[in-house]
């Protein structure tokens, strides 16, 4: 018999609930990455952004590094 995995959705990535955050943090990094990639891919497909997932992540990492290197 195959074990069935329960799939839970995040109610909002823009304004996640405490339950959403707890669920997300309970996931292994690979699943967190997959959820974020899917969410960003939806944004790219909507026409609101022309950036790829990798471009968005690189930009976020650069901003984070700049903020934390000036302290």
PDB file of N, CA and C in Angstrom:
ATOM      1  N   UNK A   1       0.843  -1.176   0.000  1.00  0.00           N
ATOM      2  CA  UNK A   1       0.000   0.000   0.000  1.00  0.00           C
ATOM      3  C   UNK A   1       0.889   1.241   0.000  1.00  0.00           C
ATOM      4  N   UNK A   2       0.558   2.222  -0.814  1.00  0.00           N
ATOM      5  CA  UNK A   2       1.322   3.445  -0.929  1.00  0.00           C
ATOM      6  C   UNK A   2       0.856   4.451   0.116  1.00  0.00           C
ATOM      7  N   UNK A   3       1.836   5.065   0.798  1.00  0.00           N
ATOM      8  CA  UNK A   3       1.510   6.093   1.775  1.00  0.00           C
ATOM      9  C   UNK A   3       1.090   7.354   1.044  1.00  0.00           C
ATOM     10  N   UNK A   4      -0.030   7.917   1.441  1.00  0.00           N
ATOM     11  CA  UNK A   4      -0.524   9.118   0.788  1.00  0.00           C
ATOM     12  C   UNK A   4      -0.092  10.334   1.603  1.00  0.00           C
ATOM     13  N   UNK A   5       0.483  11.293   0.933  1.00  0.00           N
ATOM     14  CA  UNK A   5       0.983  12.500   1.586  1.00  0.00           C
ATOM     15  C   UNK A   5      -0.104  13.565   1.564  1.00  0.00           C
ATOM     16  N   UNK A   6      -0.311  14.206   2.706  1.00  0.00           N
ATOM     17  CA  UNK A   6      -1.280  15.283   2.782  1.00  0.00           C
ATOM     18  C   UNK A   6      -0.640  16.561   2.255  1.00  0.00           C
ATOM     19  N   UNK A   7      -1.298  17.177   1.305  1.00  0.00           N
ATOM     20  CA  UNK A   7      -0.797  18.421   0.734  1.00  0.00           C
ATOM     21  C   UNK A   7      -1.599  19.555   1.355  1.00  0.00           C
ATOM     22  N   UNK A   8      -0.896  20.511   1.902  1.00  0.00           N
ATOM     23  CA  UNK A   8      -1.523  21.660   2.538  1.00  0.00           C
ATOM     24  C   UNK A   8      -1.092  22.900   1.782  1.00  0.00           C
ATOM     25  N   UNK A   9      -1.996  23.832   1.620  1.00  0.00           N
ATOM     26  CA  UNK A   9      -1.674  25.068   0.927  1.00  0.00           C
ATOM     27  C   UNK A   9      -1.390  26.173   1.934  1.00  0.00           C
ATOM     28  N   UNK A  10      -0.553  27.081   1.532  1.00  0.00           N
ATOM     29  CA  UNK A  10      -0.318  28.295   2.298  1.00  0.00           C
ATOM     30  C   UNK A  10      -1.436  29.260   1.910  1.00  0.00           C
ATOM     31  N   UNK A  11      -2.128  29.811   2.912  1.00  0.00           N
ATOM     32  CA  UNK A  11      -3.279  30.665   2.593  1.00  0.00           C
ATOM     33  C   UNK A  11      -2.859  31.927   1.845  1.00  0.00           C
ATOM     34  N   UNK A  12      -1.691  32.480   2.199  1.00  0.00           N
ATOM     35  CA  UNK A  12      -1.205  33.680   1.522  1.00  0.00           C
ATOM     36  C   UNK A  12       0.282  33.821   1.786  1.00  0.00           C
ATOM     37  N   UNK A  13       1.058  33.943   0.725  1.00  0.00           N
ATOM     38  CA  UNK A  13       2.484  34.187   0.900  1.00  0.00           C
ATOM     39  C   UNK A  13       2.728  35.657   1.242  1.00  0.00           C
ATOM     40  N   UNK A  14       1.811  36.531   0.859  1.00  0.00           N
ATOM     41  CA  UNK A  14       1.955  37.949   1.157  1.00  0.00           C
ATOM     42  C   UNK A  14       1.666  38.250   2.625  1.00  0.00           C
ATOM     43  N   UNK A  15       0.721  37.539   3.201  1.00  0.00           N
ATOM     44  CA  UNK A  15       0.344  37.741   4.604  1.00  0.00           C
ATOM     45  C   UNK A  15       0.033  36.380   5.228  1.00  0.00           C
ATOM     46  N   UNK A  16       1.062  35.565   5.443  1.00  0.00           N
ATOM     47  CA  UNK A  16       0.820  34.223   5.978  1.00  0.00           C
ATOM     48  C   UNK A  16       0.344  34.252   7.428  1.00  0.00           C
ATOM     49  N   UNK A  17      -0.483  33.282   7.771  1.00  0.00           N
ATOM     50  CA  UNK A  17      -0.941  33.149   9.153  1.00  0.00           C
ATOM     51  C   UNK A  17       0.149  32.462   9.964  1.00  0.00           C
ATOM     52  N   UNK A  18      -0.026  32.435  11.269  1.00  0.00           N
ATOM     53  CA  UNK A  18       0.923  31.720  12.129  1.00  0.00           C
ATOM     54  C   UNK A  18       0.965  30.239  11.751  1.00  0.00           C
ATOM     55  N   UNK A  19      -0.208  29.670  11.419  1.00  0.00           N
ATOM     56  CA  UNK A  19      -0.261  28.270  10.989  1.00  0.00           C
ATOM     57  C   UNK A  19       0.504  28.062   9.686  1.00  0.00           C
ATOM     58  N   UNK A  20       0.362  29.016   8.756  1.00  0.00           N
ATOM     59  CA  UNK A  20       1.095  28.932   7.497  1.00  0.00           C
ATOM     60  C   UNK A  20       2.599  28.928   7.752  1.00  0.00           C
ATOM     61  N   UNK A  21       3.054  29.844   8.604  1.00  0.00           N
ATOM     62  CA  UNK A  21       4.486  29.941   8.908  1.00  0.00           C
ATOM     63  C   UNK A  21       4.996  28.670   9.580  1.00  0.00           C
ATOM     64  N   UNK A  22       4.220  28.147  10.521  1.00  0.00           N
ATOM     65  CA  UNK A  22       4.626  26.920  11.214  1.00  0.00           C
ATOM     66  C   UNK A  22       4.704  25.756  10.236  1.00  0.00           C
ATOM     67  N   UNK A  23       3.722  25.663   9.337  1.00  0.00           N
ATOM     68  CA  UNK A  23       3.736  24.600   8.333  1.00  0.00           C
ATOM     69  C   UNK A  23       4.947  24.733   7.424  1.00  0.00           C
ATOM     70  N   UNK A  24       5.180  25.949   6.916  1.00  0.00           N
ATOM     71  CA  UNK A  24       6.300  26.181   6.009  1.00  0.00           C
ATOM     72  C   UNK A  24       7.622  25.828   6.683  1.00  0.00           C
ATOM     73  N   UNK A  25       7.799  26.262   7.907  1.00  0.00           N
ATOM     74  CA  UNK A  25       9.037  26.003   8.634  1.00  0.00           C
ATOM     75  C   UNK A  25       9.222  24.529   8.976  1.00  0.00           C
ATOM     76  N   UNK A  26       8.127  23.771   8.987  1.00  0.00           N
ATOM     77  CA  UNK A  26       8.222  22.341   9.284  1.00  0.00           C
ATOM     78  C   UNK A  26       8.680  21.525   8.078  1.00  0.00           C
ATOM     79  N   UNK A  27       8.648  22.141   6.899  1.00  0.00           N
ATOM     80  CA  UNK A  27       9.022  21.439   5.673  1.00  0.00           C
ATOM     81  C   UNK A  27      10.533  21.382   5.510  1.00  0.00           C
ATOM     82  N   UNK A  28      11.027  20.344   4.849  1.00  0.00           N
ATOM     83  CA  UNK A  28      12.452  20.322   4.536  1.00  0.00           C
ATOM     84  C   UNK A  28      12.771  21.428   3.519  1.00  0.00           C
ATOM     85  N   UNK A  29      14.019  21.892   3.489  1.00  0.00           N
ATOM     86  CA  UNK A  29      14.390  22.983   2.577  1.00  0.00           C
ATOM     87  C   UNK A  29      13.992  22.747   1.119  1.00  0.00           C
ATOM     88  N   UNK A  30      14.093  21.515   0.651  1.00  0.00           N
ATOM     89  CA  UNK A  30      13.746  21.252  -0.747  1.00  0.00           C
ATOM     90  C   UNK A  30      12.261  21.525  -1.019  1.00  0.00           C
ATOM     91  N   UNK A  31      11.400  21.207  -0.049  1.00  0.00           N
ATOM     92  CA  UNK A  31       9.964  21.467  -0.229  1.00  0.00           C
ATOM     93  C   UNK A  31       9.647  22.948  -0.066  1.00  0.00           C
ATOM     94  N   UNK A  32      10.359  23.632   0.836  1.00  0.00           N
ATOM     95  CA  UNK A  32      10.185  25.081   0.957  1.00  0.00           C
ATOM     96  C   UNK A  32      10.552  25.749  -0.367  1.00  0.00           C
ATOM     97  N   UNK A  33      11.668  25.317  -0.929  1.00  0.00           N
ATOM     98  CA  UNK A  33      12.145  25.872  -2.202  1.00  0.00           C
ATOM     99  C   UNK A  33      11.121  25.622  -3.307  1.00  0.00           C
ATOM    100  N   UNK A  34      10.569  24.419  -3.344  1.00  0.00           N
ATOM    101  CA  UNK A  34       9.574  24.083  -4.373  1.00  0.00           C
ATOM    102  C   UNK A  34       8.325  24.950  -4.239  1.00  0.00           C
ATOM    103  N   UNK A  35       7.881  25.182  -3.002  1.00  0.00           N
ATOM    104  CA  UNK A  35       6.708  26.032  -2.796  1.00  0.00           C
ATOM    105  C   UNK A  35       6.981  27.463  -3.247  1.00  0.00           C
ATOM    106  N   UNK A  36       8.153  27.980  -2.877  1.00  0.00           N
ATOM    107  CA  UNK A  36       8.500  29.340  -3.281  1.00  0.00           C
ATOM    108  C   UNK A  36       8.653  29.451  -4.787  1.00  0.00           C
ATOM    109  N   UNK A  37       9.285  28.453  -5.394  1.00  0.00           N
ATOM    110  CA  UNK A  37       9.447  28.468  -6.851  1.00  0.00           C
ATOM    111  C   UNK A  37       8.077  28.474  -7.536  1.00  0.00           C
ATOM    112  N   UNK A  38       7.157  27.648  -7.070  1.00  0.00           N
ATOM    113  CA  UNK A  38       5.819  27.593  -7.671  1.00  0.00           C
ATOM    114  C   UNK A  38       5.105  28.934  -7.525  1.00  0.00           C
ATOM    115  N   UNK A  39       5.252  29.562  -6.355  1.00  0.00           N
ATOM    116  CA  UNK A  39       4.599  30.848  -6.122  1.00  0.00           C
ATOM    117  C   UNK A  39       5.190  31.937  -7.021  1.00  0.00           C
ATOM    118  N   UNK A  40       6.512  31.963  -7.143  1.00  0.00           N
ATOM    119  CA  UNK A  40       7.147  32.946  -8.017  1.00  0.00           C
ATOM    120  C   UNK A  40       6.850  32.669  -9.487  1.00  0.00           C
ATOM    121  N   UNK A  41       6.788  31.395  -9.861  1.00  0.00           N
ATOM    122  CA  UNK A  41       6.435  31.048 -11.246  1.00  0.00           C
ATOM    123  C   UNK A  41       5.033  31.548 -11.587  1.00  0.00           C
ATOM    124  N   UNK A  42       4.102  31.476 -10.611  1.00  0.00           N
ATOM    125  CA  UNK A  42       2.747  32.008 -10.843  1.00  0.00           C
ATOM    126  C   UNK A  42       2.820  33.505 -11.112  1.00  0.00           C
ATOM    127  N   UNK A  43       3.676  34.202 -10.368  1.00  0.00           N
ATOM    128  CA  UNK A  43       3.835  35.641 -10.577  1.00  0.00           C
ATOM    129  C   UNK A  43       4.391  35.957 -11.941  1.00  0.00           C
ATOM    130  N   UNK A  44       5.392  35.197 -12.373  1.00  0.00           N
ATOM    131  CA  UNK A  44       5.983  35.412 -13.694  1.00  0.00           C
ATOM    132  C   UNK A  44       4.936  35.137 -14.775  1.00  0.00           C
ATOM    133  N   UNK A  45       4.183  34.061 -14.618  1.00  0.00           N
ATOM    134  CA  UNK A  45       3.166  33.702 -15.608  1.00  0.00           C
ATOM    135  C   UNK A  45       2.036  34.733 -15.665  1.00  0.00           C
ATOM    136  N   UNK A  46       1.823  35.455 -14.577  1.00  0.00           N
ATOM    137  CA  UNK A  46       0.741  36.444 -14.552  1.00  0.00           C
ATOM    138  C   UNK A  46       1.072  37.695 -15.367  1.00  0.00           C
ATOM    139  N   UNK A  47       2.359  37.849 -15.717  1.00  0.00           N
ATOM    140  CA  UNK A  47       2.761  39.031 -16.465  1.00  0.00           C
ATOM    141  C   UNK A  47       3.161  40.188 -15.566  1.00  0.00           C
ATOM    142  N   UNK A  48       3.060  40.018 -14.246  1.00  0.00           N
ATOM    143  CA  UNK A  48       3.418  41.090 -13.324  1.00  0.00           C
ATOM    144  C   UNK A  48       4.929  41.257 -13.200  1.00  0.00           C
ATOM    145  N   UNK A  49       5.681  40.194 -13.497  1.00  0.00           N
ATOM    146  CA  UNK A  49       7.134  40.264 -13.416  1.00  0.00           C
ATOM    147  C   UNK A  49       7.733  39.500 -14.587  1.00  0.00           C
ATOM    148  N   UNK A  50       8.791  40.059 -15.123  1.00  0.00           N
ATOM    149  CA  UNK A  50       9.475  39.359 -16.208  1.00  0.00           C
ATOM    150  C   UNK A  50      10.716  38.638 -15.698  1.00  0.00           C
ATOM    151  N   UNK A  51      10.988  38.744 -14.386  1.00  0.00           N
ATOM    152  CA  UNK A  51      12.152  38.098 -13.797  1.00  0.00           C
ATOM    153  C   UNK A  51      11.896  36.614 -13.593  1.00  0.00           C
ATOM    154  N   UNK A  52      12.957  35.840 -13.725  1.00  0.00           N
ATOM    155  CA  UNK A  52      12.854  34.406 -13.445  1.00  0.00           C
ATOM    156  C   UNK A  52      13.004  34.191 -11.945  1.00  0.00           C
ATOM    157  N   UNK A  53      12.689  32.991 -11.500  1.00  0.00           N
ATOM    158  CA  UNK A  53      12.867  32.623 -10.095  1.00  0.00           C
ATOM    159  C   UNK A  53      14.303  32.866  -9.668  1.00  0.00           C
ATOM    160  N   UNK A  54      15.246  32.401 -10.477  1.00  0.00           N
ATOM    161  CA  UNK A  54      16.655  32.536 -10.121  1.00  0.00           C
ATOM    162  C   UNK A  54      17.079  34.004 -10.033  1.00  0.00           C
ATOM    163  N   UNK A  55      16.546  34.859 -10.903  1.00  0.00           N
ATOM    164  CA  UNK A  55      16.858  36.290 -10.840  1.00  0.00           C
ATOM    165  C   UNK A  55      16.303  36.915  -9.563  1.00  0.00           C
ATOM    166  N   UNK A  56      15.102  36.536  -9.195  1.00  0.00           N
ATOM    167  CA  UNK A  56      14.476  37.057  -7.976  1.00  0.00           C
ATOM    168  C   UNK A  56      15.270  36.625  -6.749  1.00  0.00           C
ATOM    169  N   UNK A  57      15.659  35.366  -6.699  1.00  0.00           N
ATOM    170  CA  UNK A  57      16.437  34.858  -5.566  1.00  0.00           C
ATOM    171  C   UNK A  57      17.797  35.549  -5.500  1.00  0.00           C
ATOM    172  N   UNK A  58      18.464  35.704  -6.627  1.00  0.00           N
ATOM    173  CA  UNK A  58      19.772  36.358  -6.652  1.00  0.00           C
ATOM    174  C   UNK A  58      19.661  37.804  -6.171  1.00  0.00           C
ATOM    175  N   UNK A  59      18.623  38.499  -6.594  1.00  0.00           N
ATOM    176  CA  UNK A  59      18.416  39.885  -6.172  1.00  0.00           C
ATOM    177  C   UNK A  59      18.151  39.952  -4.663  1.00  0.00           C
ATOM    178  N   UNK A  60      17.330  39.048  -4.161  1.00  0.00           N
ATOM    179  CA  UNK A  60      17.037  39.023  -2.724  1.00  0.00           C
ATOM    180  C   UNK A  60      18.301  38.721  -1.915  1.00  0.00           C
ATOM    181  N   UNK A  61      19.104  37.778  -2.388  1.00  0.00           N
ATOM    182  CA  UNK A  61      20.350  37.448  -1.687  1.00  0.00           C
ATOM    183  C   UNK A  61      21.319  38.626  -1.694  1.00  0.00           C
ATOM    184  N   UNK A  62      21.401  39.335  -2.807  1.00  0.00           N
ATOM    185  CA  UNK A  62      22.287  40.493  -2.896  1.00  0.00           C
ATOM    186  C   UNK A  62      21.832  41.594  -1.937  1.00  0.00           C
ATOM    187  N   UNK A  63      20.530  41.839  -1.855  1.00  0.00           N
ATOM    188  CA  UNK A  63      20.004  42.847  -0.935  1.00  0.00           C
ATOM    189  C   UNK A  63      20.277  42.443   0.506  1.00  0.00           C
ATOM    190  N   UNK A  64      20.075  41.170   0.822  1.00  0.00           N
ATOM    191  CA  UNK A  64      20.327  40.664   2.170  1.00  0.00           C
ATOM    192  C   UNK A  64      21.800  40.837   2.522  1.00  0.00           C
ATOM    193  N   UNK A  65      22.689  40.461   1.626  1.00  0.00           N
ATOM    194  CA  UNK A  65      24.128  40.565   1.868  1.00  0.00           C
ATOM    195  C   UNK A  65      24.542  42.019   2.062  1.00  0.00           C
ATOM    196  N   UNK A  66      23.996  42.920   1.244  1.00  0.00           N
ATOM    197  CA  UNK A  66      24.330  44.340   1.360  1.00  0.00           C
ATOM    198  C   UNK A  66      23.867  44.892   2.708  1.00  0.00           C
ATOM    199  N   UNK A  67      22.684  44.509   3.140  1.00  0.00           N
ATOM    200  CA  UNK A  67      22.159  44.981   4.408  1.00  0.00           C
ATOM    201  C   UNK A  67      22.982  44.490   5.589  1.00  0.00           C
ATOM    202  N   UNK A  68      23.456  43.261   5.496  1.00  0.00           N
ATOM    203  CA  UNK A  68      24.164  42.657   6.619  1.00  0.00           C
ATOM    204  C   UNK A  68      25.679  42.905   6.584  1.00  0.00           C
ATOM    205  N   UNK A  69      26.188  43.455   5.519  1.00  0.00           N
ATOM    206  CA  UNK A  69      27.614  43.772   5.464  1.00  0.00           C
ATOM    207  C   UNK A  69      27.893  45.197   5.901  1.00  0.00           C
ATOM    208  N   UNK A  70      26.843  45.993   6.018  1.00  0.00           N
ATOM    209  CA  UNK A  70      27.004  47.397   6.408  1.00  0.00           C
ATOM    210  C   UNK A  70      26.793  47.624   7.906  1.00  0.00           C
ATOM    211  N   UNK A  71      26.669  46.552   8.673  1.00  0.00           N
ATOM    212  CA  UNK A  71      26.336  46.702  10.084  1.00  0.00           C
ATOM    213  C   UNK A  71      27.480  46.529  10.931  1.00  0.00           C
TER     214      UNK A  71
END
